[in-house]
Amino acid sequence: MIKRTGPYAGILHEVVEHNGVLYFGGMVADDLSLDMAGQARDVFRQADALLALHGSDRTRILSALVFLSDAALKQAFNEEWKRYFDAAHLPARAAVAISGLGEGVLLEIVFTAARA
């Protein structure tokens, strides 16, 4: 069975669940006036809330695809990443710099997680 949650702007669902795996749509910060560290913390806060809503938590994140607006921001992002995840629960990850994320958007993250 496939369960879809939280339609957003008529173009995607926030989370799609299939066989106990949670597939998140791309997440960006709510407050785009923040710097990279602030936007990363904002996205992680949103992820924690959605994970909890679906009976999971950050220790069950399997993978992350990270889009950065500028490769020069990767180190600042990595610092927040290390604060968010403990070493025992690091997910698989890819991080790429791309243009076109949107005005003020410094990062977008797509998570995949296991339901508890």
N, C-alpha and C. Protein backbone atom coordinates (compact mmCIF):
# COMPACT_ATOMS: atom_id res chain seq x y z
N MET A 1 0.83 -1.18 0.00
CA MET A 1 0.00 0.00 0.00
C MET A 1 0.88 1.25 0.00
N ILE A 2 0.48 2.24 -0.74
CA ILE A 2 1.19 3.51 -0.80
C ILE A 2 0.35 4.56 -0.09
N LYS A 3 0.99 5.29 0.83
CA LYS A 3 0.32 6.35 1.58
C LYS A 3 1.00 7.68 1.26
N ARG A 4 0.21 8.66 0.87
CA ARG A 4 0.75 9.99 0.53
C ARG A 4 0.26 11.00 1.56
N THR A 5 1.17 11.87 2.02
CA THR A 5 0.85 12.83 3.07
C THR A 5 1.23 14.24 2.65
N GLY A 6 0.36 15.18 2.97
CA GLY A 6 0.68 16.60 2.84
C GLY A 6 0.89 17.11 1.44
N PRO A 7 -0.14 17.11 0.59
CA PRO A 7 0.07 17.73 -0.73
C PRO A 7 0.59 19.15 -0.57
N TYR A 8 1.52 19.53 -1.40
CA TYR A 8 2.14 20.84 -1.32
C TYR A 8 2.05 21.54 -2.66
N ALA A 9 1.36 22.65 -2.69
CA ALA A 9 1.27 23.52 -3.88
C ALA A 9 0.79 22.78 -5.13
N GLY A 10 0.13 21.65 -4.95
CA GLY A 10 -0.41 20.92 -6.09
C GLY A 10 0.63 20.25 -6.96
N ILE A 11 1.89 20.17 -6.47
CA ILE A 11 2.94 19.57 -7.31
C ILE A 11 3.65 18.38 -6.67
N LEU A 12 3.49 18.17 -5.37
CA LEU A 12 4.15 17.04 -4.72
C LEU A 12 3.50 16.74 -3.38
N HIS A 13 3.83 15.59 -2.80
CA HIS A 13 3.45 15.26 -1.44
C HIS A 13 4.69 15.40 -0.56
N GLU A 14 4.49 15.82 0.68
CA GLU A 14 5.64 15.96 1.58
C GLU A 14 6.32 14.63 1.84
N VAL A 15 5.50 13.59 2.04
CA VAL A 15 6.04 12.26 2.32
C VAL A 15 5.18 11.23 1.60
N VAL A 16 5.84 10.25 0.98
CA VAL A 16 5.16 9.09 0.42
C VAL A 16 5.76 7.87 1.11
N GLU A 17 4.87 7.03 1.65
CA GLU A 17 5.33 5.83 2.36
C GLU A 17 4.96 4.58 1.58
N HIS A 18 5.92 3.66 1.47
CA HIS A 18 5.68 2.37 0.83
C HIS A 18 6.51 1.32 1.54
N ASN A 19 5.85 0.25 1.98
CA ASN A 19 6.55 -0.85 2.66
C ASN A 19 7.46 -0.39 3.80
N GLY A 20 6.99 0.57 4.59
CA GLY A 20 7.75 1.02 5.75
C GLY A 20 8.89 1.97 5.44
N VAL A 21 9.00 2.40 4.19
CA VAL A 21 10.04 3.36 3.82
C VAL A 21 9.36 4.70 3.53
N LEU A 22 9.92 5.77 4.09
CA LEU A 22 9.40 7.12 3.93
C LEU A 22 10.24 7.87 2.92
N TYR A 23 9.62 8.36 1.87
CA TYR A 23 10.29 9.13 0.83
C TYR A 23 9.83 10.58 0.97
N PHE A 24 10.75 11.46 1.31
CA PHE A 24 10.43 12.86 1.52
C PHE A 24 10.59 13.65 0.22
N GLY A 25 9.70 14.60 0.02
CA GLY A 25 9.90 15.57 -1.05
C GLY A 25 11.04 16.49 -0.65
N GLY A 26 11.54 17.27 -1.59
CA GLY A 26 12.61 18.21 -1.29
C GLY A 26 12.18 19.22 -0.24
N MET A 27 13.04 19.46 0.74
CA MET A 27 12.74 20.37 1.84
C MET A 27 13.69 21.55 1.80
N VAL A 28 13.12 22.75 1.90
CA VAL A 28 13.90 23.99 1.98
C VAL A 28 13.51 24.71 3.26
N ALA A 29 14.33 25.64 3.68
CA ALA A 29 14.06 26.41 4.90
C ALA A 29 12.80 27.25 4.74
N ASP A 30 12.10 27.42 5.85
CA ASP A 30 10.95 28.32 5.86
C ASP A 30 11.41 29.78 5.85
N ASP A 31 12.54 30.05 6.51
CA ASP A 31 13.07 31.41 6.62
C ASP A 31 14.29 31.55 5.72
N LEU A 32 14.10 32.13 4.55
CA LEU A 32 15.19 32.24 3.57
C LEU A 32 16.12 33.41 3.85
N SER A 33 15.87 34.16 4.90
CA SER A 33 16.78 35.24 5.28
C SER A 33 17.97 34.70 6.09
N LEU A 34 17.89 33.44 6.49
CA LEU A 34 18.96 32.83 7.30
C LEU A 34 20.18 32.49 6.45
N ASP A 35 21.34 32.41 7.11
CA ASP A 35 22.55 31.95 6.44
C ASP A 35 22.49 30.43 6.28
N MET A 36 23.54 29.83 5.73
CA MET A 36 23.54 28.39 5.49
C MET A 36 23.29 27.59 6.76
N ALA A 37 23.96 27.93 7.84
CA ALA A 37 23.77 27.20 9.09
C ALA A 37 22.32 27.28 9.54
N GLY A 38 21.75 28.46 9.48
CA GLY A 38 20.36 28.64 9.90
C GLY A 38 19.38 27.90 9.01
N GLN A 39 19.60 27.94 7.70
CA GLN A 39 18.71 27.22 6.80
C GLN A 39 18.83 25.71 7.00
N ALA A 40 20.04 25.23 7.23
CA ALA A 40 20.22 23.80 7.49
C ALA A 40 19.48 23.39 8.76
N ARG A 41 19.63 24.17 9.83
CA ARG A 41 18.91 23.86 11.08
C ARG A 41 17.40 23.89 10.87
N ASP A 42 16.92 24.82 10.08
CA ASP A 42 15.49 24.93 9.79
C ASP A 42 14.99 23.68 9.06
N VAL A 43 15.73 23.23 8.06
CA VAL A 43 15.34 22.01 7.33
C VAL A 43 15.39 20.80 8.27
N PHE A 44 16.40 20.71 9.11
CA PHE A 44 16.49 19.58 10.04
C PHE A 44 15.33 19.61 11.03
N ARG A 45 14.91 20.79 11.46
CA ARG A 45 13.75 20.92 12.36
C ARG A 45 12.50 20.39 11.66
N GLN A 46 12.32 20.77 10.41
CA GLN A 46 11.17 20.29 9.64
C GLN A 46 11.22 18.77 9.48
N ALA A 47 12.41 18.25 9.20
CA ALA A 47 12.57 16.80 9.04
C ALA A 47 12.21 16.07 10.33
N ASP A 48 12.67 16.58 11.47
CA ASP A 48 12.34 15.96 12.75
C ASP A 48 10.83 15.89 12.95
N ALA A 49 10.13 16.98 12.62
CA ALA A 49 8.68 17.02 12.79
C ALA A 49 7.98 16.01 11.88
N LEU A 50 8.39 15.94 10.62
CA LEU A 50 7.77 14.99 9.69
C LEU A 50 8.10 13.54 10.06
N LEU A 51 9.33 13.31 10.48
CA LEU A 51 9.71 11.96 10.91
C LEU A 51 8.84 11.53 12.08
N ALA A 52 8.68 12.39 13.08
CA ALA A 52 7.87 12.07 14.26
C ALA A 52 6.43 11.80 13.85
N LEU A 53 5.90 12.60 12.94
CA LEU A 53 4.53 12.43 12.46
C LEU A 53 4.32 11.05 11.85
N HIS A 54 5.39 10.49 11.29
CA HIS A 54 5.30 9.19 10.61
C HIS A 54 5.93 8.06 11.41
N GLY A 55 6.11 8.29 12.72
CA GLY A 55 6.60 7.22 13.58
C GLY A 55 8.06 6.87 13.36
N SER A 56 8.87 7.87 13.10
CA SER A 56 10.30 7.63 12.87
C SER A 56 11.09 8.75 13.53
N ASP A 57 12.40 8.72 13.34
CA ASP A 57 13.26 9.77 13.86
C ASP A 57 14.56 9.80 13.05
N ARG A 58 15.40 10.78 13.34
CA ARG A 58 16.61 10.99 12.53
C ARG A 58 17.56 9.79 12.52
N THR A 59 17.51 8.92 13.53
CA THR A 59 18.39 7.75 13.54
C THR A 59 17.99 6.73 12.49
N ARG A 60 16.82 6.91 11.89
CA ARG A 60 16.32 5.98 10.89
C ARG A 60 16.37 6.55 9.47
N ILE A 61 17.02 7.70 9.32
CA ILE A 61 17.21 8.25 7.98
C ILE A 61 18.23 7.38 7.24
N LEU A 62 17.85 6.90 6.08
CA LEU A 62 18.68 5.99 5.30
C LEU A 62 19.61 6.72 4.34
N SER A 63 19.07 7.76 3.70
CA SER A 63 19.88 8.48 2.72
C SER A 63 19.40 9.92 2.60
N ALA A 64 20.28 10.74 2.07
CA ALA A 64 19.96 12.15 1.84
C ALA A 64 20.63 12.61 0.56
N LEU A 65 19.88 13.36 -0.21
CA LEU A 65 20.41 14.02 -1.40
C LEU A 65 20.33 15.51 -1.11
N VAL A 66 21.49 16.15 -1.10
CA VAL A 66 21.60 17.55 -0.70
C VAL A 66 21.97 18.39 -1.92
N PHE A 67 21.18 19.42 -2.17
CA PHE A 67 21.45 20.37 -3.24
C PHE A 67 21.87 21.68 -2.58
N LEU A 68 23.02 22.19 -2.96
CA LEU A 68 23.54 23.46 -2.43
C LEU A 68 23.54 24.49 -3.55
N SER A 69 23.22 25.73 -3.21
CA SER A 69 23.21 26.78 -4.23
C SER A 69 24.61 27.17 -4.67
N ASP A 70 25.61 26.83 -3.84
CA ASP A 70 27.00 27.21 -4.11
C ASP A 70 27.92 26.22 -3.41
N ALA A 71 28.87 25.64 -4.14
CA ALA A 71 29.80 24.68 -3.55
C ALA A 71 30.59 25.28 -2.40
N ALA A 72 30.78 26.59 -2.39
CA ALA A 72 31.52 27.24 -1.31
C ALA A 72 30.80 27.14 0.04
N LEU A 73 29.51 26.78 0.02
CA LEU A 73 28.73 26.65 1.25
C LEU A 73 28.81 25.25 1.87
N LYS A 74 29.49 24.34 1.21
CA LYS A 74 29.50 22.94 1.66
C LYS A 74 30.10 22.78 3.05
N GLN A 75 31.16 23.47 3.36
CA GLN A 75 31.78 23.33 4.68
C GLN A 75 30.84 23.79 5.78
N ALA A 76 30.17 24.91 5.58
CA ALA A 76 29.21 25.40 6.58
C ALA A 76 28.06 24.40 6.74
N PHE A 77 27.61 23.83 5.63
CA PHE A 77 26.56 22.81 5.71
C PHE A 77 27.05 21.59 6.47
N ASN A 78 28.27 21.13 6.16
CA ASN A 78 28.82 19.94 6.81
C ASN A 78 28.90 20.11 8.33
N GLU A 79 29.19 21.31 8.80
CA GLU A 79 29.24 21.55 10.25
C GLU A 79 27.88 21.32 10.89
N GLU A 80 26.82 21.79 10.25
CA GLU A 80 25.48 21.58 10.79
C GLU A 80 25.08 20.11 10.66
N TRP A 81 25.47 19.47 9.57
CA TRP A 81 25.20 18.05 9.36
C TRP A 81 25.78 17.23 10.52
N LYS A 82 27.02 17.53 10.90
CA LYS A 82 27.67 16.80 11.98
C LYS A 82 27.00 17.07 13.33
N ARG A 83 26.39 18.22 13.50
CA ARG A 83 25.65 18.50 14.73
C ARG A 83 24.32 17.75 14.76
N TYR A 84 23.71 17.58 13.61
CA TYR A 84 22.40 16.94 13.52
C TYR A 84 22.48 15.43 13.68
N PHE A 85 23.45 14.80 13.04
CA PHE A 85 23.58 13.34 13.09
C PHE A 85 24.72 12.93 14.01
N ASP A 86 24.47 11.90 14.82
CA ASP A 86 25.60 11.33 15.56
C ASP A 86 26.30 10.33 14.64
N ALA A 87 27.56 10.08 14.94
CA ALA A 87 28.40 9.27 14.05
C ALA A 87 27.84 7.87 13.82
N ALA A 88 27.11 7.32 14.77
CA ALA A 88 26.58 5.96 14.65
C ALA A 88 25.38 5.88 13.71
N HIS A 89 24.78 7.03 13.38
CA HIS A 89 23.56 7.01 12.57
C HIS A 89 23.67 7.88 11.32
N LEU A 90 24.85 8.00 10.78
CA LEU A 90 25.01 8.78 9.55
C LEU A 90 24.35 8.05 8.38
N PRO A 91 23.53 8.75 7.60
CA PRO A 91 22.94 8.11 6.42
C PRO A 91 23.90 8.17 5.23
N ALA A 92 23.57 7.42 4.20
CA ALA A 92 24.26 7.59 2.93
C ALA A 92 23.90 8.99 2.43
N ARG A 93 24.84 9.65 1.72
CA ARG A 93 24.57 11.03 1.32
C ARG A 93 25.31 11.39 0.05
N ALA A 94 24.67 12.22 -0.75
CA ALA A 94 25.32 12.88 -1.88
C ALA A 94 25.01 14.36 -1.74
N ALA A 95 25.98 15.21 -2.05
CA ALA A 95 25.77 16.66 -2.00
C ALA A 95 26.32 17.25 -3.28
N VAL A 96 25.49 18.04 -3.95
CA VAL A 96 25.90 18.66 -5.20
C VAL A 96 25.52 20.13 -5.20
N ALA A 97 26.29 20.92 -5.90
CA ALA A 97 25.97 22.34 -6.06
C ALA A 97 25.27 22.52 -7.40
N ILE A 98 24.14 23.23 -7.36
CA ILE A 98 23.38 23.50 -8.58
C ILE A 98 22.84 24.92 -8.53
N SER A 99 22.53 25.44 -9.67
CA SER A 99 21.88 26.75 -9.72
C SER A 99 20.37 26.52 -9.84
N GLY A 100 19.62 27.54 -9.58
CA GLY A 100 18.19 27.45 -9.80
C GLY A 100 17.36 26.92 -8.65
N LEU A 101 17.89 26.93 -7.43
CA LEU A 101 17.10 26.47 -6.29
C LEU A 101 15.98 27.45 -5.93
N GLY A 102 16.14 28.68 -6.32
CA GLY A 102 15.13 29.70 -6.01
C GLY A 102 15.76 30.85 -5.25
N GLU A 103 15.12 31.99 -5.31
CA GLU A 103 15.62 33.20 -4.66
C GLU A 103 15.80 32.98 -3.16
N GLY A 104 17.02 33.10 -2.68
CA GLY A 104 17.31 32.99 -1.25
C GLY A 104 17.48 31.58 -0.73
N VAL A 105 17.17 30.58 -1.56
CA VAL A 105 17.29 29.18 -1.12
C VAL A 105 18.76 28.76 -1.24
N LEU A 106 19.36 28.39 -0.10
CA LEU A 106 20.76 27.98 -0.09
C LEU A 106 20.92 26.47 -0.16
N LEU A 107 19.88 25.74 0.23
CA LEU A 107 19.95 24.28 0.15
C LEU A 107 18.56 23.68 0.07
N GLU A 108 18.52 22.49 -0.48
CA GLU A 108 17.32 21.66 -0.50
C GLU A 108 17.78 20.24 -0.21
N ILE A 109 17.03 19.54 0.64
CA ILE A 109 17.41 18.18 1.01
C ILE A 109 16.25 17.23 0.75
N VAL A 110 16.56 16.08 0.17
CA VAL A 110 15.60 15.00 -0.04
C VAL A 110 16.06 13.82 0.82
N PHE A 111 15.21 13.43 1.78
CA PHE A 111 15.52 12.31 2.68
C PHE A 111 14.74 11.07 2.30
N THR A 112 15.31 9.93 2.63
CA THR A 112 14.62 8.64 2.64
C THR A 112 14.86 8.05 4.01
N ALA A 113 13.80 7.56 4.67
CA ALA A 113 13.93 7.04 6.03
C ALA A 113 13.10 5.78 6.21
N ALA A 114 13.49 4.99 7.19
CA ALA A 114 12.71 3.81 7.56
C ALA A 114 11.72 4.19 8.65
N ARG A 115 10.54 3.66 8.55
CA ARG A 115 9.55 3.85 9.61
C ARG A 115 9.92 2.93 10.77
N ALA A 116 9.74 3.40 11.97
CA ALA A 116 10.09 2.60 13.15
C ALA A 116 9.18 1.39 13.26
